């Protein structure tokens, strides 16, 4: 019988990136399913991205950016702030990232 997976903390970088994807998707008025179709990424995989469970390839990041009709620079605006928030929530420490 397989061992149940331990609940280890999610990678803060991936959680922050997923939060940015979710925020920008909702701001664009997409449902998760419609956004997955627009980006060419399966809805369940998109859900995992938004939860910080998947390490995105550059190709998938570019698909997401294109579906949002924005530049890579526009997409990543606010990412550092999200990362700081996730790190603070997970560890209570994020001074190295504060600007």
C-alpha atoms as a PDB file:
ATOM      1  CA  UNK A   1       0.000   0.000   0.000  1.00  0.00           C
ATOM      2  CA  UNK A   2       1.490   3.414  -0.967  1.00  0.00           C
ATOM      3  CA  UNK A   3       2.494   5.780   1.794  1.00  0.00           C
ATOM      4  CA  UNK A   4       0.361   8.906   2.067  1.00  0.00           C
ATOM      5  CA  UNK A   5       2.236  12.051   1.071  1.00  0.00           C
ATOM      6  CA  UNK A   6       3.305  14.277   3.936  1.00  0.00           C
ATOM      7  CA  UNK A   7       1.880  17.775   3.886  1.00  0.00           C
ATOM      8  CA  UNK A   8       5.051  19.664   3.135  1.00  0.00           C
ATOM      9  CA  UNK A   9       4.915  23.410   2.573  1.00  0.00           C
ATOM     10  CA  UNK A  10       4.497  24.454  -1.045  1.00  0.00           C
ATOM     11  CA  UNK A  11       7.296  26.267  -2.793  1.00  0.00           C
ATOM     12  CA  UNK A  12       6.801  29.992  -2.129  1.00  0.00           C
ATOM     13  CA  UNK A  13       7.946  30.957  -5.629  1.00  0.00           C
ATOM     14  CA  UNK A  14       5.318  28.702  -7.223  1.00  0.00           C
ATOM     15  CA  UNK A  15       2.579  29.787  -4.827  1.00  0.00           C
ATOM     16  CA  UNK A  16       3.295  33.450  -5.592  1.00  0.00           C
ATOM     17  CA  UNK A  17       3.332  32.786  -9.332  1.00  0.00           C
ATOM     18  CA  UNK A  18       0.034  30.921  -9.048  1.00  0.00           C
ATOM     19  CA  UNK A  19      -1.478  33.840  -7.128  1.00  0.00           C
ATOM     20  CA  UNK A  20      -0.418  36.209  -9.911  1.00  0.00           C
ATOM     21  CA  UNK A  21      -1.947  33.918 -12.547  1.00  0.00           C
ATOM     22  CA  UNK A  22      -5.229  33.708 -10.591  1.00  0.00           C
ATOM     23  CA  UNK A  23      -5.343  37.472  -9.963  1.00  0.00           C
ATOM     24  CA  UNK A  24      -4.689  38.365 -13.616  1.00  0.00           C
ATOM     25  CA  UNK A  25      -7.106  35.668 -14.892  1.00  0.00           C
ATOM     26  CA  UNK A  26      -9.915  36.977 -12.704  1.00  0.00           C
ATOM     27  CA  UNK A  27      -9.143  40.597 -13.625  1.00  0.00           C
ATOM     28  CA  UNK A  28      -9.460  39.594 -17.280  1.00  0.00           C
ATOM     29  CA  UNK A  29     -12.888  38.059 -16.549  1.00  0.00           C
ATOM     30  CA  UNK A  30     -11.971  34.456 -17.328  1.00  0.00           C
ATOM     31  CA  UNK A  31     -13.267  31.379 -15.581  1.00  0.00           C
ATOM     32  CA  UNK A  32     -10.541  28.841 -14.930  1.00  0.00           C
ATOM     33  CA  UNK A  33     -11.942  26.584 -17.650  1.00  0.00           C
ATOM     34  CA  UNK A  34     -12.221  29.346 -20.270  1.00  0.00           C
ATOM     35  CA  UNK A  35      -8.749  30.586 -19.410  1.00  0.00           C
ATOM     36  CA  UNK A  36      -7.270  27.128 -19.724  1.00  0.00           C
ATOM     37  CA  UNK A  37      -8.839  26.840 -23.177  1.00  0.00           C
ATOM     38  CA  UNK A  38      -7.562  30.282 -24.210  1.00  0.00           C
ATOM     39  CA  UNK A  39      -4.033  29.414 -23.044  1.00  0.00           C
ATOM     40  CA  UNK A  40      -4.090  25.865 -24.384  1.00  0.00           C
ATOM     41  CA  UNK A  41      -3.563  24.416 -20.899  1.00  0.00           C
ATOM     42  CA  UNK A  42      -5.894  21.828 -19.361  1.00  0.00           C
ATOM     43  CA  UNK A  43      -8.236  23.283 -16.716  1.00  0.00           C
ATOM     44  CA  UNK A  44      -7.092  20.874 -14.028  1.00  0.00           C
ATOM     45  CA  UNK A  45      -3.447  21.686 -14.762  1.00  0.00           C
ATOM     46  CA  UNK A  46      -4.314  25.402 -14.633  1.00  0.00           C
ATOM     47  CA  UNK A  47      -5.882  24.839 -11.206  1.00  0.00           C
ATOM     48  CA  UNK A  48      -2.654  23.232 -10.038  1.00  0.00           C
ATOM     49  CA  UNK A  49      -0.687  26.185 -11.393  1.00  0.00           C
ATOM     50  CA  UNK A  50      -2.885  28.612  -9.480  1.00  0.00           C
ATOM     51  CA  UNK A  51      -2.446  26.579  -6.282  1.00  0.00           C
ATOM     52  CA  UNK A  52       1.343  26.579  -6.696  1.00  0.00           C
ATOM     53  CA  UNK A  53       1.523  22.842  -7.318  1.00  0.00           C
ATOM     54  CA  UNK A  54       3.189  22.929 -10.752  1.00  0.00           C
ATOM     55  CA  UNK A  55       6.560  24.266 -11.813  1.00  0.00           C
ATOM     56  CA  UNK A  56       5.762  26.090 -15.032  1.00  0.00           C
ATOM     57  CA  UNK A  57       7.889  25.914 -18.125  1.00  0.00           C
ATOM     58  CA  UNK A  58       8.728  29.128 -19.915  1.00  0.00           C
ATOM     59  CA  UNK A  59       6.486  27.929 -22.743  1.00  0.00           C
ATOM     60  CA  UNK A  60       3.471  27.710 -20.412  1.00  0.00           C
ATOM     61  CA  UNK A  61       4.253  31.109 -18.888  1.00  0.00           C
ATOM     62  CA  UNK A  62       4.280  32.584 -22.397  1.00  0.00           C
ATOM     63  CA  UNK A  63       0.968  30.840 -23.229  1.00  0.00           C
ATOM     64  CA  UNK A  64      -0.575  32.371 -20.101  1.00  0.00           C
ATOM     65  CA  UNK A  65       0.817  35.827 -20.889  1.00  0.00           C
ATOM     66  CA  UNK A  66      -0.457  35.623 -24.469  1.00  0.00           C
ATOM     67  CA  UNK A  67      -3.934  34.512 -23.338  1.00  0.00           C
ATOM     68  CA  UNK A  68      -4.017  37.541 -21.036  1.00  0.00           C
ATOM     69  CA  UNK A  69      -3.019  39.763 -23.966  1.00  0.00           C
ATOM     70  CA  UNK A  70      -0.174  41.381 -22.046  1.00  0.00           C
ATOM     71  CA  UNK A  71       3.591  41.571 -22.113  1.00  0.00           C
ATOM     72  CA  UNK A  72       5.817  39.494 -19.878  1.00  0.00           C
ATOM     73  CA  UNK A  73       6.770  42.694 -18.021  1.00  0.00           C
ATOM     74  CA  UNK A  74       3.104  43.510 -17.381  1.00  0.00           C
ATOM     75  CA  UNK A  75       2.427  39.966 -16.201  1.00  0.00           C
ATOM     76  CA  UNK A  76       5.229  39.993 -13.643  1.00  0.00           C
ATOM     77  CA  UNK A  77       4.341  43.389 -12.154  1.00  0.00           C
ATOM     78  CA  UNK A  78       3.322  42.695  -8.590  1.00  0.00           C
ATOM     79  CA  UNK A  79       5.034  39.287  -8.478  1.00  0.00           C
ATOM     80  CA  UNK A  80       7.669  40.347  -5.935  1.00  0.00           C
ATOM     81  CA  UNK A  81       4.949  41.666  -3.625  1.00  0.00           C
ATOM     82  CA  UNK A  82       3.076  38.358  -3.904  1.00  0.00           C
ATOM     83  CA  UNK A  83       6.275  36.446  -3.139  1.00  0.00           C
ATOM     84  CA  UNK A  84       6.913  38.544  -0.035  1.00  0.00           C
ATOM     85  CA  UNK A  85       3.346  37.924   1.136  1.00  0.00           C
ATOM     86  CA  UNK A  86       3.653  34.160   0.631  1.00  0.00           C
ATOM     87  CA  UNK A  87       7.027  34.002   2.383  1.00  0.00           C
ATOM     88  CA  UNK A  88       5.694  36.000   5.325  1.00  0.00           C
ATOM     89  CA  UNK A  89       2.665  33.717   5.576  1.00  0.00           C
ATOM     90  CA  UNK A  90       4.794  30.563   5.414  1.00  0.00           C
ATOM     91  CA  UNK A  91       7.706  31.612   7.606  1.00  0.00           C
ATOM     92  CA  UNK A  92       6.964  34.964   9.138  1.00  0.00           C
ATOM     93  CA  UNK A  93      10.191  36.221   7.529  1.00  0.00           C
ATOM     94  CA  UNK A  94      10.707  37.869   4.164  1.00  0.00           C
ATOM     95  CA  UNK A  95      13.031  40.781   4.915  1.00  0.00           C
ATOM     96  CA  UNK A  96      15.454  39.782   2.165  1.00  0.00           C
ATOM     97  CA  UNK A  97      12.780  40.412  -0.462  1.00  0.00           C
ATOM     98  CA  UNK A  98      11.279  43.625   0.890  1.00  0.00           C
ATOM     99  CA  UNK A  99      12.057  46.662  -1.245  1.00  0.00           C
END
